[in-house]
Amino acid sequence: MTDPLNRNLLLLDIEKFSDRDDVEQAYLRRMLYDVVERVLQEAGIDQTRHLRADRGDGVLVMIDANTPLTALLRVLLTEAPAQLRAVNRMASSAAQIRLRAVVATGYVTVDATDGWVGSDLNHACRLLDADGLRAALRERTEDIALCVSEPVYTGIVRHDHTGIPRSAFHGFTVESKNGPLKAWLYGPLPAVSATSAPEPPRRGAGPSPSGGQVEFRGTNNGVVAHQITGPIIQGGAINGGISLPTDRGDRG
């Protein structure tokens, strides 16, 4: 196993790949690699400065960290969408190719079997599979949806370089088994249905023996020998009786 090296990461994945038959999948893979080749060429990244790993329905590209990320981002924001439009314009509905894309950076180790290992790589894969990125592509007319990792946003995007408009990126959180990850989506965030937060329990309320809520308000006329024996409490209601502590020593 080699020492971990700092690398730029480009991840691409084909939307609805498994919905296609074998012939269509083979065609989409050829189109994907054509797009990857053109993106890298336009960004000035030759074959000596990157490695590729095939994912079947996508591809991972590990790029020399000395390659400017600004050039890669500009191509992904301009040239890549144009290339996809040109490809899809002449393709049948079954051969339309739409992509999710992630740009990240971090430390990656290449092991003895040429496998790639690293937490930063794992995080980038989580972003590629994020529901927010999938939803963004579904809702758009464009053929690509791009998000960048927090380090890429902090180091590149937020500085508003030419051709990389900071205002066009919007932060969102990706839930993963390793905890929440911050990412930045190019373009508007996908619409989500609003979920009301659960109403907090009212002060003084607690579970009854039957699992409901009991409120203690006013004077409890039914308290006899440290027990509530009656079904009605002034200012509230209770089903059944409950016991009350007799002194401080009874309180857990």
Protein backbone atom coordinates (compact mmCIF):
# COMPACT_ATOMS: atom_id res chain seq x y z
CA MET A 1 0.00 0.00 0.00
CA THR A 2 1.30 3.43 -0.94
CA ASP A 3 1.24 6.49 1.25
CA PRO A 4 -1.92 8.60 0.98
CA LEU A 5 -1.60 11.43 -1.52
CA ASN A 6 -3.64 14.58 -1.90
CA ARG A 7 -5.81 14.36 -5.01
CA ASN A 8 -8.66 16.15 -6.75
CA LEU A 9 -11.67 13.91 -7.36
CA LEU A 10 -14.25 13.92 -10.14
CA LEU A 11 -17.16 11.51 -9.83
CA LEU A 12 -19.83 11.00 -12.49
CA ASP A 13 -22.87 8.73 -12.48
CA ILE A 14 -25.53 8.00 -15.11
CA GLU A 15 -29.13 8.61 -14.11
CA LYS A 16 -31.51 5.61 -14.36
CA PHE A 17 -28.76 3.37 -15.71
CA SER A 18 -30.29 0.15 -14.34
CA ASP A 19 -33.59 0.91 -16.11
CA ARG A 20 -31.96 0.32 -19.52
CA ASP A 21 -31.30 -2.96 -21.30
CA ASP A 22 -27.80 -4.26 -21.99
CA VAL A 23 -27.50 -2.64 -25.42
CA GLU A 24 -28.58 0.73 -24.11
CA GLN A 25 -26.23 0.46 -21.13
CA ALA A 26 -23.28 -0.28 -23.39
CA TYR A 27 -24.11 2.78 -25.49
CA LEU A 28 -24.47 5.02 -22.42
CA ARG A 29 -21.10 3.88 -21.10
CA ARG A 30 -19.44 4.84 -24.39
CA MET A 31 -21.09 8.25 -24.23
CA LEU A 32 -20.01 8.70 -20.61
CA TYR A 33 -16.37 8.02 -21.39
CA ASP A 34 -16.53 10.34 -24.40
CA VAL A 35 -17.81 13.12 -22.12
CA VAL A 36 -15.13 12.40 -19.49
CA GLU A 37 -12.39 12.50 -22.12
CA ARG A 38 -13.58 15.84 -23.49
CA VAL A 39 -13.97 17.38 -20.03
CA LEU A 40 -10.44 16.41 -19.03
CA GLN A 41 -8.98 17.64 -22.32
CA GLU A 42 -10.77 20.99 -22.06
CA ALA A 43 -9.52 21.35 -18.47
CA GLY A 44 -5.93 20.68 -19.57
CA ILE A 45 -5.65 17.37 -17.70
CA ASP A 46 -3.69 14.90 -19.81
CA GLN A 47 -3.44 11.13 -19.30
CA THR A 48 -0.28 11.40 -17.21
CA ARG A 49 -2.06 13.44 -14.53
CA HIS A 50 -5.06 11.31 -13.69
CA LEU A 51 -6.30 7.77 -12.99
CA ARG A 52 -9.77 6.37 -13.65
CA ALA A 53 -11.81 3.76 -11.84
CA ASP A 54 -14.83 2.21 -13.56
CA ARG A 55 -18.09 1.97 -11.59
CA GLY A 56 -20.26 0.35 -14.24
CA ASP A 57 -22.88 3.11 -14.23
CA GLY A 58 -20.27 5.78 -13.57
CA VAL A 59 -16.62 6.64 -13.29
CA LEU A 60 -14.23 8.01 -10.65
CA VAL A 61 -11.34 10.18 -11.77
CA MET A 62 -8.43 10.84 -9.42
CA ILE A 63 -6.48 13.89 -10.58
CA ASP A 64 -3.10 15.31 -9.65
CA ALA A 65 -3.64 17.90 -6.91
CA ASN A 66 -1.45 20.39 -8.77
CA THR A 67 -4.04 20.58 -11.54
CA PRO A 68 -6.15 23.75 -11.07
CA LEU A 69 -9.64 22.93 -9.89
CA THR A 70 -10.84 26.22 -11.32
CA ALA A 71 -10.26 24.93 -14.86
CA LEU A 72 -12.14 21.70 -14.15
CA LEU A 73 -15.09 23.51 -12.57
CA ARG A 74 -15.39 25.96 -15.46
CA VAL A 75 -15.56 23.09 -17.95
CA LEU A 76 -18.17 21.24 -15.88
CA LEU A 77 -20.32 24.38 -15.66
CA THR A 78 -20.13 25.26 -19.36
CA GLU A 79 -18.63 22.68 -21.74
CA ALA A 80 -20.07 19.55 -20.14
CA PRO A 81 -23.73 20.70 -20.36
CA ALA A 82 -23.17 21.74 -23.98
CA GLN A 83 -21.65 18.35 -24.82
CA LEU A 84 -24.54 16.51 -23.22
CA ARG A 85 -27.09 18.63 -25.08
CA ALA A 86 -25.37 17.82 -28.37
CA VAL A 87 -25.31 14.09 -27.62
CA ASN A 88 -28.94 13.93 -26.46
CA ARG A 89 -30.25 16.06 -29.30
CA MET A 90 -29.57 13.23 -31.76
CA ALA A 91 -30.30 10.33 -29.40
CA SER A 92 -33.54 8.40 -28.90
CA SER A 93 -35.38 8.67 -25.59
CA ALA A 94 -33.86 5.34 -24.48
CA ALA A 95 -30.35 6.64 -25.20
CA GLN A 96 -30.58 9.96 -23.36
CA ILE A 97 -27.68 10.39 -20.94
CA ARG A 98 -28.00 12.57 -17.84
CA LEU A 99 -25.33 12.80 -15.18
CA ARG A 100 -24.82 13.51 -11.52
CA ALA A 101 -21.38 14.98 -10.85
CA VAL A 102 -19.28 15.65 -7.76
CA VAL A 103 -16.01 17.51 -7.43
CA ALA A 104 -14.11 16.90 -4.20
CA THR A 105 -10.59 16.83 -2.86
CA GLY A 106 -8.73 14.83 -0.23
CA TYR A 107 -6.24 12.12 0.57
CA VAL A 108 -6.43 8.79 -1.25
CA THR A 109 -4.28 5.66 -0.99
CA VAL A 110 -3.83 3.20 -3.85
CA ASP A 111 -3.44 -0.35 -2.52
CA ALA A 112 -1.60 -3.37 -3.93
CA THR A 113 -4.57 -4.35 -6.12
CA ASP A 114 -4.91 -0.82 -7.51
CA GLY A 115 -7.92 -0.19 -5.30
CA TRP A 116 -8.56 3.29 -3.92
CA VAL A 117 -8.90 3.80 -0.18
CA GLY A 118 -9.65 6.92 1.84
CA SER A 119 -12.29 8.60 3.99
CA ASP A 120 -12.32 11.65 1.69
CA LEU A 121 -13.11 9.37 -1.24
CA ASN A 122 -15.88 7.70 0.77
CA HIS A 123 -17.39 11.11 1.55
CA ALA A 124 -17.30 12.05 -2.14
CA CYS A 125 -19.17 8.85 -3.00
CA ARG A 126 -21.79 9.70 -0.37
CA LEU A 127 -22.31 13.06 -2.06
CA LEU A 128 -22.72 11.39 -5.46
CA ASP A 129 -25.48 9.17 -4.09
CA ALA A 130 -27.16 11.94 -2.06
CA ASP A 131 -30.92 12.29 -2.38
CA GLY A 132 -30.53 16.06 -2.80
CA LEU A 133 -28.32 15.66 -5.87
CA ARG A 134 -30.60 13.01 -7.37
CA ALA A 135 -33.65 15.21 -6.81
CA ALA A 136 -31.91 18.22 -8.34
CA LEU A 137 -31.25 16.31 -11.57
CA ARG A 138 -34.82 15.01 -11.71
CA GLU A 139 -36.28 18.50 -11.39
CA ARG A 140 -34.05 20.19 -13.98
CA THR A 141 -34.16 20.43 -17.72
CA GLU A 142 -30.36 20.43 -17.86
CA ASP A 143 -28.63 17.08 -18.35
CA ILE A 144 -26.16 17.42 -15.48
CA ALA A 145 -26.38 18.29 -11.79
CA LEU A 146 -23.15 19.20 -10.01
CA CYS A 147 -22.26 19.54 -6.36
CA VAL A 148 -18.93 20.19 -4.70
CA SER A 149 -17.60 19.18 -1.29
CA GLU A 150 -17.19 21.66 1.54
CA PRO A 151 -13.36 21.90 1.07
CA VAL A 152 -13.82 22.68 -2.64
CA TYR A 153 -16.39 25.35 -1.84
CA THR A 154 -14.21 26.88 0.87
CA GLY A 155 -10.99 26.79 -1.14
CA ILE A 156 -12.32 27.65 -4.61
CA VAL A 157 -15.99 28.49 -5.06
CA ARG A 158 -16.48 31.03 -2.28
CA HIS A 159 -13.74 33.24 -3.77
CA ASP A 160 -15.94 33.93 -6.82
CA HIS A 161 -13.37 33.13 -9.51
CA THR A 162 -14.20 34.06 -13.10
CA GLY A 163 -16.66 31.57 -14.53
CA ILE A 164 -17.44 30.05 -11.11
CA PRO A 165 -20.20 32.23 -9.63
CA ARG A 166 -20.34 31.86 -5.88
CA SER A 167 -23.98 33.02 -5.78
CA ALA A 168 -25.03 30.09 -7.95
CA PHE A 169 -24.00 27.51 -5.33
CA HIS A 170 -26.31 26.61 -2.47
CA GLY A 171 -25.41 24.64 0.64
CA PHE A 172 -27.24 21.51 1.73
CA THR A 173 -26.63 18.67 4.15
CA VAL A 174 -26.20 15.06 3.15
CA GLU A 175 -27.15 12.48 5.76
CA SER A 176 -24.83 9.48 5.76
CA LYS A 177 -24.00 6.54 8.00
CA ASN A 178 -20.86 8.44 8.96
CA GLY A 179 -22.84 11.51 10.02
CA PRO A 180 -24.00 14.68 8.20
CA LEU A 181 -21.86 15.99 5.34
CA LYS A 182 -22.00 19.56 4.03
CA ALA A 183 -22.10 20.00 0.24
CA TRP A 184 -22.81 22.79 -2.23
CA LEU A 185 -25.14 22.36 -5.18
CA TYR A 186 -24.75 24.37 -8.36
CA GLY A 187 -28.12 25.85 -9.20
CA PRO A 188 -31.32 25.94 -7.15
CA LEU A 189 -31.92 23.44 -4.40
CA PRO A 190 -34.60 20.84 -5.16
CA ALA A 191 -38.07 21.42 -3.77
CA VAL A 192 -38.82 19.49 -0.58
CA SER A 193 -42.10 19.04 1.23
CA ALA A 194 -42.23 20.99 4.48
CA THR A 195 -42.45 18.80 7.56
CA SER A 196 -43.82 20.31 10.74
CA ALA A 197 -41.70 19.82 13.82
CA PRO A 198 -43.42 17.80 16.57
CA GLU A 199 -45.09 19.97 19.17
CA PRO A 200 -43.07 19.93 22.40
CA PRO A 201 -44.87 18.59 25.49
CA ARG A 202 -46.50 21.24 27.62
CA ARG A 203 -44.82 22.14 30.86
CA GLY A 204 -45.92 19.93 33.69
CA ALA A 205 -47.12 17.16 31.43
CA GLY A 206 -45.93 13.62 31.91
CA PRO A 207 -46.84 10.10 30.81
CA SER A 208 -49.76 8.41 32.53
CA PRO A 209 -49.63 4.71 33.42
CA SER A 210 -51.71 4.05 30.29
CA GLY A 211 -49.22 5.90 28.07
CA GLY A 212 -51.16 9.20 27.79
CA GLN A 213 -50.41 12.68 29.14
CA VAL A 214 -51.40 14.03 32.55
CA GLU A 215 -51.57 17.73 33.33
CA PHE A 216 -51.31 19.06 36.89
CA ARG A 217 -53.02 22.42 37.25
CA GLY A 218 -54.74 24.08 40.14
CA THR A 219 -55.77 22.10 43.25
CA ASN A 220 -55.82 18.33 43.04
CA ASN A 221 -58.90 17.55 45.08
CA GLY A 222 -58.56 13.82 44.53
CA VAL A 223 -55.25 13.41 46.38
CA VAL A 224 -55.74 11.11 49.35
CA ALA A 225 -52.81 9.51 51.22
CA HIS A 226 -50.41 10.49 48.47
CA GLN A 227 -52.57 8.89 45.76
CA ILE A 228 -54.87 10.35 43.11
CA THR A 229 -57.92 8.16 43.36
CA GLY A 230 -60.55 10.12 41.53
CA PRO A 231 -60.93 10.28 37.73
CA ILE A 232 -61.01 14.08 37.63
CA ILE A 233 -58.35 16.63 38.51
CA GLN A 234 -59.22 20.31 38.62
CA GLY A 235 -57.72 21.93 35.47
CA GLY A 236 -56.91 18.60 33.83
CA ALA A 237 -57.92 14.98 33.49
CA ILE A 238 -56.49 11.57 34.34
CA ASN A 239 -57.61 8.05 33.55
CA GLY A 240 -56.90 5.76 36.50
CA GLY A 241 -54.93 6.46 39.66
CA ILE A 242 -51.26 7.18 40.21
CA SER A 243 -49.06 7.17 43.29
CA LEU A 244 -47.12 10.15 44.56
CA PRO A 245 -43.87 10.03 46.55
CA THR A 246 -44.29 10.27 50.33
CA ASP A 247 -40.96 12.00 51.02
CA ARG A 248 -37.69 12.95 49.39
CA GLY A 249 -36.35 9.42 49.77
CA ASP A 250 -39.03 8.10 47.40
CA ARG A 251 -37.92 10.32 44.52
CA GLY A 252 -35.65 8.60 42.00
